Amino acid sequence: MRPVALALAVLLLIAACGERDQPDDQALHQDIVSDKSGIEVTFDAVILTEPAESGGHERFEVKDPAGDMLEVDHNTSLAQAVPAHVGDALIIHGQLYIDPGPHAGVHCTHATTSSGCPDPGWIEFAGNYYE
């Protein structure tokens, strides 16, 4: 009986390693309130403005479930553009930044890492990942 339990535990561990981070909308809100720029976040969002290409980035405003508004700076030189529009729901994984104002945003939503974006990011839309 023990070998079966051990095998099951190993399979569960392997399955868990391949999963992406799940949205934590409350954590995002607390990070914004606490001014935690530079932290990795995963959250649900609804697009408020039509995505626009600007300087190799797709930029658009989103709103999270807590009502926070964020700008998304999605690098289209490193990742596919997201074919989403106003009102569409997304899951976003990237790096939070808070500019003076305060103005919150998220970038590093691409799989390619660098010194400025040490963790791979992504945007999920309609069951597809744009990274």
C-alpha atoms as a PDB file:
ATOM      1  CA  MET A   1       0.000   0.000   0.000  1.00  0.00           C
ATOM      2  CA  ARG A   2       2.847   2.405   0.743  1.00  0.00           C
ATOM      3  CA  PRO A   3       4.346   2.242  -2.769  1.00  0.00           C
ATOM      4  CA  VAL A   4       0.975   3.324  -4.175  1.00  0.00           C
ATOM      5  CA  ALA A   5       0.788   6.280  -1.792  1.00  0.00           C
ATOM      6  CA  LEU A   6       4.352   7.271  -2.655  1.00  0.00           C
ATOM      7  CA  ALA A   7       3.648   7.049  -6.383  1.00  0.00           C
ATOM      8  CA  LEU A   8       0.518   9.165  -5.957  1.00  0.00           C
ATOM      9  CA  ALA A   9       2.453  11.800  -4.004  1.00  0.00           C
ATOM     10  CA  VAL A  10       5.131  11.957  -6.712  1.00  0.00           C
ATOM     11  CA  LEU A  11       2.508  12.338  -9.448  1.00  0.00           C
ATOM     12  CA  LEU A  12       0.793  15.155  -7.556  1.00  0.00           C
ATOM     13  CA  LEU A  13       4.108  16.934  -7.066  1.00  0.00           C
ATOM     14  CA  ILE A  14       4.965  16.653 -10.760  1.00  0.00           C
ATOM     15  CA  ALA A  15       1.533  17.949 -11.758  1.00  0.00           C
ATOM     16  CA  ALA A  16       1.817  20.909  -9.383  1.00  0.00           C
ATOM     17  CA  CYS A  17       5.187  21.950 -10.816  1.00  0.00           C
ATOM     18  CA  GLY A  18       3.713  22.642 -14.242  1.00  0.00           C
ATOM     19  CA  GLU A  19       0.931  24.946 -13.092  1.00  0.00           C
ATOM     20  CA  ARG A  20       0.928  28.686 -13.571  1.00  0.00           C
ATOM     21  CA  ASP A  21       0.324  31.102 -10.735  1.00  0.00           C
ATOM     22  CA  GLN A  22      -3.342  31.603  -9.956  1.00  0.00           C
ATOM     23  CA  PRO A  23      -4.875  35.075  -9.661  1.00  0.00           C
ATOM     24  CA  ASP A  24      -4.697  36.652  -6.216  1.00  0.00           C
ATOM     25  CA  ASP A  25      -6.719  39.830  -6.623  1.00  0.00           C
ATOM     26  CA  GLN A  26      -6.680  40.732  -2.931  1.00  0.00           C
ATOM     27  CA  ALA A  27      -2.892  40.460  -2.802  1.00  0.00           C
ATOM     28  CA  LEU A  28      -2.623  42.779  -5.809  1.00  0.00           C
ATOM     29  CA  HIS A  29      -4.869  45.328  -4.122  1.00  0.00           C
ATOM     30  CA  GLN A  30      -2.799  45.179  -0.930  1.00  0.00           C
ATOM     31  CA  ASP A  31       0.418  45.552  -2.942  1.00  0.00           C
ATOM     32  CA  ILE A  32      -0.978  48.669  -4.622  1.00  0.00           C
ATOM     33  CA  VAL A  33      -2.167  50.142  -1.312  1.00  0.00           C
ATOM     34  CA  SER A  34       1.234  49.343   0.242  1.00  0.00           C
ATOM     35  CA  ASP A  35       3.093  50.880  -2.731  1.00  0.00           C
ATOM     36  CA  LYS A  36       5.016  47.642  -3.432  1.00  0.00           C
ATOM     37  CA  SER A  37       6.456  48.450  -6.824  1.00  0.00           C
ATOM     38  CA  GLY A  38       8.538  45.688  -8.420  1.00  0.00           C
ATOM     39  CA  ILE A  39       6.622  42.755  -6.973  1.00  0.00           C
ATOM     40  CA  GLU A  40       5.384  39.869  -9.131  1.00  0.00           C
ATOM     41  CA  VAL A  41       1.569  39.748  -9.353  1.00  0.00           C
ATOM     42  CA  THR A  42      -1.141  37.602 -10.928  1.00  0.00           C
ATOM     43  CA  PHE A  43      -4.655  38.998 -11.142  1.00  0.00           C
ATOM     44  CA  ASP A  44      -7.983  39.055 -12.947  1.00  0.00           C
ATOM     45  CA  ALA A  45      -8.754  42.122 -15.032  1.00  0.00           C
ATOM     46  CA  VAL A  46     -11.232  43.603 -17.474  1.00  0.00           C
ATOM     47  CA  ILE A  47      -9.997  45.800 -20.324  1.00  0.00           C
ATOM     48  CA  LEU A  48     -11.166  49.424 -20.080  1.00  0.00           C
ATOM     49  CA  THR A  49      -9.452  50.937 -23.140  1.00  0.00           C
ATOM     50  CA  GLU A  50      -8.697  49.552 -26.575  1.00  0.00           C
ATOM     51  CA  PRO A  51      -5.133  48.242 -26.781  1.00  0.00           C
ATOM     52  CA  ALA A  52      -2.845  50.610 -28.681  1.00  0.00           C
ATOM     53  CA  GLU A  53       0.626  49.939 -30.060  1.00  0.00           C
ATOM     54  CA  SER A  54       3.247  52.411 -28.883  1.00  0.00           C
ATOM     55  CA  GLY A  55       7.005  52.008 -29.062  1.00  0.00           C
ATOM     56  CA  GLY A  56       6.999  48.213 -29.311  1.00  0.00           C
ATOM     57  CA  HIS A  57       4.455  47.881 -26.518  1.00  0.00           C
ATOM     58  CA  GLU A  58       0.761  47.180 -26.512  1.00  0.00           C
ATOM     59  CA  ARG A  59      -0.717  49.506 -23.895  1.00  0.00           C
ATOM     60  CA  PHE A  60      -4.170  49.409 -22.361  1.00  0.00           C
ATOM     61  CA  GLU A  61      -5.967  50.148 -19.108  1.00  0.00           C
ATOM     62  CA  VAL A  62      -7.548  47.408 -17.020  1.00  0.00           C
ATOM     63  CA  LYS A  63      -9.591  47.233 -13.850  1.00  0.00           C
ATOM     64  CA  ASP A  64      -9.165  44.527 -11.235  1.00  0.00           C
ATOM     65  CA  PRO A  65     -12.021  43.134  -9.090  1.00  0.00           C
ATOM     66  CA  ALA A  66     -11.139  45.531  -6.230  1.00  0.00           C
ATOM     67  CA  GLY A  67     -11.650  48.498  -8.560  1.00  0.00           C
ATOM     68  CA  ASP A  68      -7.960  49.334  -8.994  1.00  0.00           C
ATOM     69  CA  MET A  69      -7.097  50.671 -12.431  1.00  0.00           C
ATOM     70  CA  LEU A  70      -3.764  49.666 -13.939  1.00  0.00           C
ATOM     71  CA  GLU A  71      -1.941  50.311 -17.171  1.00  0.00           C
ATOM     72  CA  VAL A  72      -0.649  47.202 -18.938  1.00  0.00           C
ATOM     73  CA  ASP A  73       2.612  47.610 -20.870  1.00  0.00           C
ATOM     74  CA  HIS A  74       2.864  44.393 -22.898  1.00  0.00           C
ATOM     75  CA  ASN A  75       6.126  44.200 -24.884  1.00  0.00           C
ATOM     76  CA  THR A  76       5.172  43.111 -28.407  1.00  0.00           C
ATOM     77  CA  SER A  77       8.830  42.842 -29.402  1.00  0.00           C
ATOM     78  CA  LEU A  78       9.058  39.868 -27.042  1.00  0.00           C
ATOM     79  CA  ALA A  79       5.502  38.500 -27.006  1.00  0.00           C
ATOM     80  CA  GLN A  80       2.481  38.278 -29.268  1.00  0.00           C
ATOM     81  CA  ALA A  81      -0.061  41.063 -29.061  1.00  0.00           C
ATOM     82  CA  VAL A  82      -3.204  40.118 -27.164  1.00  0.00           C
ATOM     83  CA  PRO A  83      -6.227  40.191 -29.521  1.00  0.00           C
ATOM     84  CA  ALA A  84      -8.556  41.497 -26.815  1.00  0.00           C
ATOM     85  CA  HIS A  85     -10.874  44.494 -26.687  1.00  0.00           C
ATOM     86  CA  VAL A  86     -12.763  46.674 -24.219  1.00  0.00           C
ATOM     87  CA  GLY A  87     -14.825  44.533 -21.856  1.00  0.00           C
ATOM     88  CA  ASP A  88     -12.783  41.360 -22.341  1.00  0.00           C
ATOM     89  CA  ALA A  89     -11.583  39.466 -19.269  1.00  0.00           C
ATOM     90  CA  LEU A  90      -7.899  38.626 -18.822  1.00  0.00           C
ATOM     91  CA  ILE A  91      -5.602  37.039 -16.292  1.00  0.00           C
ATOM     92  CA  ILE A  92      -2.335  38.959 -16.099  1.00  0.00           C
ATOM     93  CA  HIS A  93       0.968  37.826 -14.612  1.00  0.00           C
ATOM     94  CA  GLY A  94       3.781  40.355 -14.506  1.00  0.00           C
ATOM     95  CA  GLN A  95       5.638  42.900 -12.435  1.00  0.00           C
ATOM     96  CA  LEU A  96       3.739  45.654 -10.630  1.00  0.00           C
ATOM     97  CA  TYR A  97       5.018  49.200 -10.863  1.00  0.00           C
ATOM     98  CA  ILE A  98       3.686  52.285  -9.154  1.00  0.00           C
ATOM     99  CA  ASP A  99       4.583  55.646 -10.627  1.00  0.00           C
ATOM    100  CA  PRO A 100       4.023  58.999  -8.922  1.00  0.00           C
ATOM    101  CA  GLY A 101       0.440  60.076  -8.913  1.00  0.00           C
ATOM    102  CA  PRO A 102       0.052  57.260  -7.850  1.00  0.00           C
ATOM    103  CA  HIS A 103      -0.365  55.437 -11.124  1.00  0.00           C
ATOM    104  CA  ALA A 104      -0.234  51.632 -11.011  1.00  0.00           C
ATOM    105  CA  GLY A 105       0.712  49.430 -13.901  1.00  0.00           C
ATOM    106  CA  VAL A 106       2.088  46.048 -14.805  1.00  0.00           C
ATOM    107  CA  HIS A 107       4.853  45.146 -17.225  1.00  0.00           C
ATOM    108  CA  CYS A 108       7.153  42.154 -17.792  1.00  0.00           C
ATOM    109  CA  THR A 109       4.189  40.225 -19.198  1.00  0.00           C
ATOM    110  CA  HIS A 110       6.447  38.189 -21.508  1.00  0.00           C
ATOM    111  CA  ALA A 111       8.341  34.935 -21.120  1.00  0.00           C
ATOM    112  CA  THR A 112      11.714  36.426 -22.073  1.00  0.00           C
ATOM    113  CA  THR A 113      13.550  37.423 -18.921  1.00  0.00           C
ATOM    114  CA  SER A 114      16.174  40.115 -18.369  1.00  0.00           C
ATOM    115  CA  SER A 115      17.733  42.059 -15.521  1.00  0.00           C
ATOM    116  CA  GLY A 116      14.675  44.337 -15.490  1.00  0.00           C
ATOM    117  CA  CYS A 117      12.230  41.443 -15.815  1.00  0.00           C
ATOM    118  CA  PRO A 118      13.733  38.501 -13.913  1.00  0.00           C
ATOM    119  CA  ASP A 119      10.519  36.431 -13.863  1.00  0.00           C
ATOM    120  CA  PRO A 120       8.620  35.281 -16.959  1.00  0.00           C
ATOM    121  CA  GLY A 121       5.180  36.809 -17.351  1.00  0.00           C
ATOM    122  CA  TRP A 122       2.092  36.210 -19.461  1.00  0.00           C
ATOM    123  CA  ILE A 123      -1.422  37.326 -20.265  1.00  0.00           C
ATOM    124  CA  GLU A 124      -4.215  34.785 -20.564  1.00  0.00           C
ATOM    125  CA  PHE A 125      -7.125  35.633 -22.837  1.00  0.00           C
ATOM    126  CA  ALA A 126      -9.838  33.239 -23.991  1.00  0.00           C
ATOM    127  CA  GLY A 127      -7.836  30.197 -22.894  1.00  0.00           C
ATOM    128  CA  ASN A 128      -4.679  31.251 -24.763  1.00  0.00           C
ATOM    129  CA  TYR A 129      -1.428  32.549 -23.305  1.00  0.00           C
ATOM    130  CA  TYR A 130       0.389  35.532 -24.782  1.00  0.00           C
ATOM    131  CA  GLU A 131       3.933  35.459 -23.509  1.00  0.00           C
END
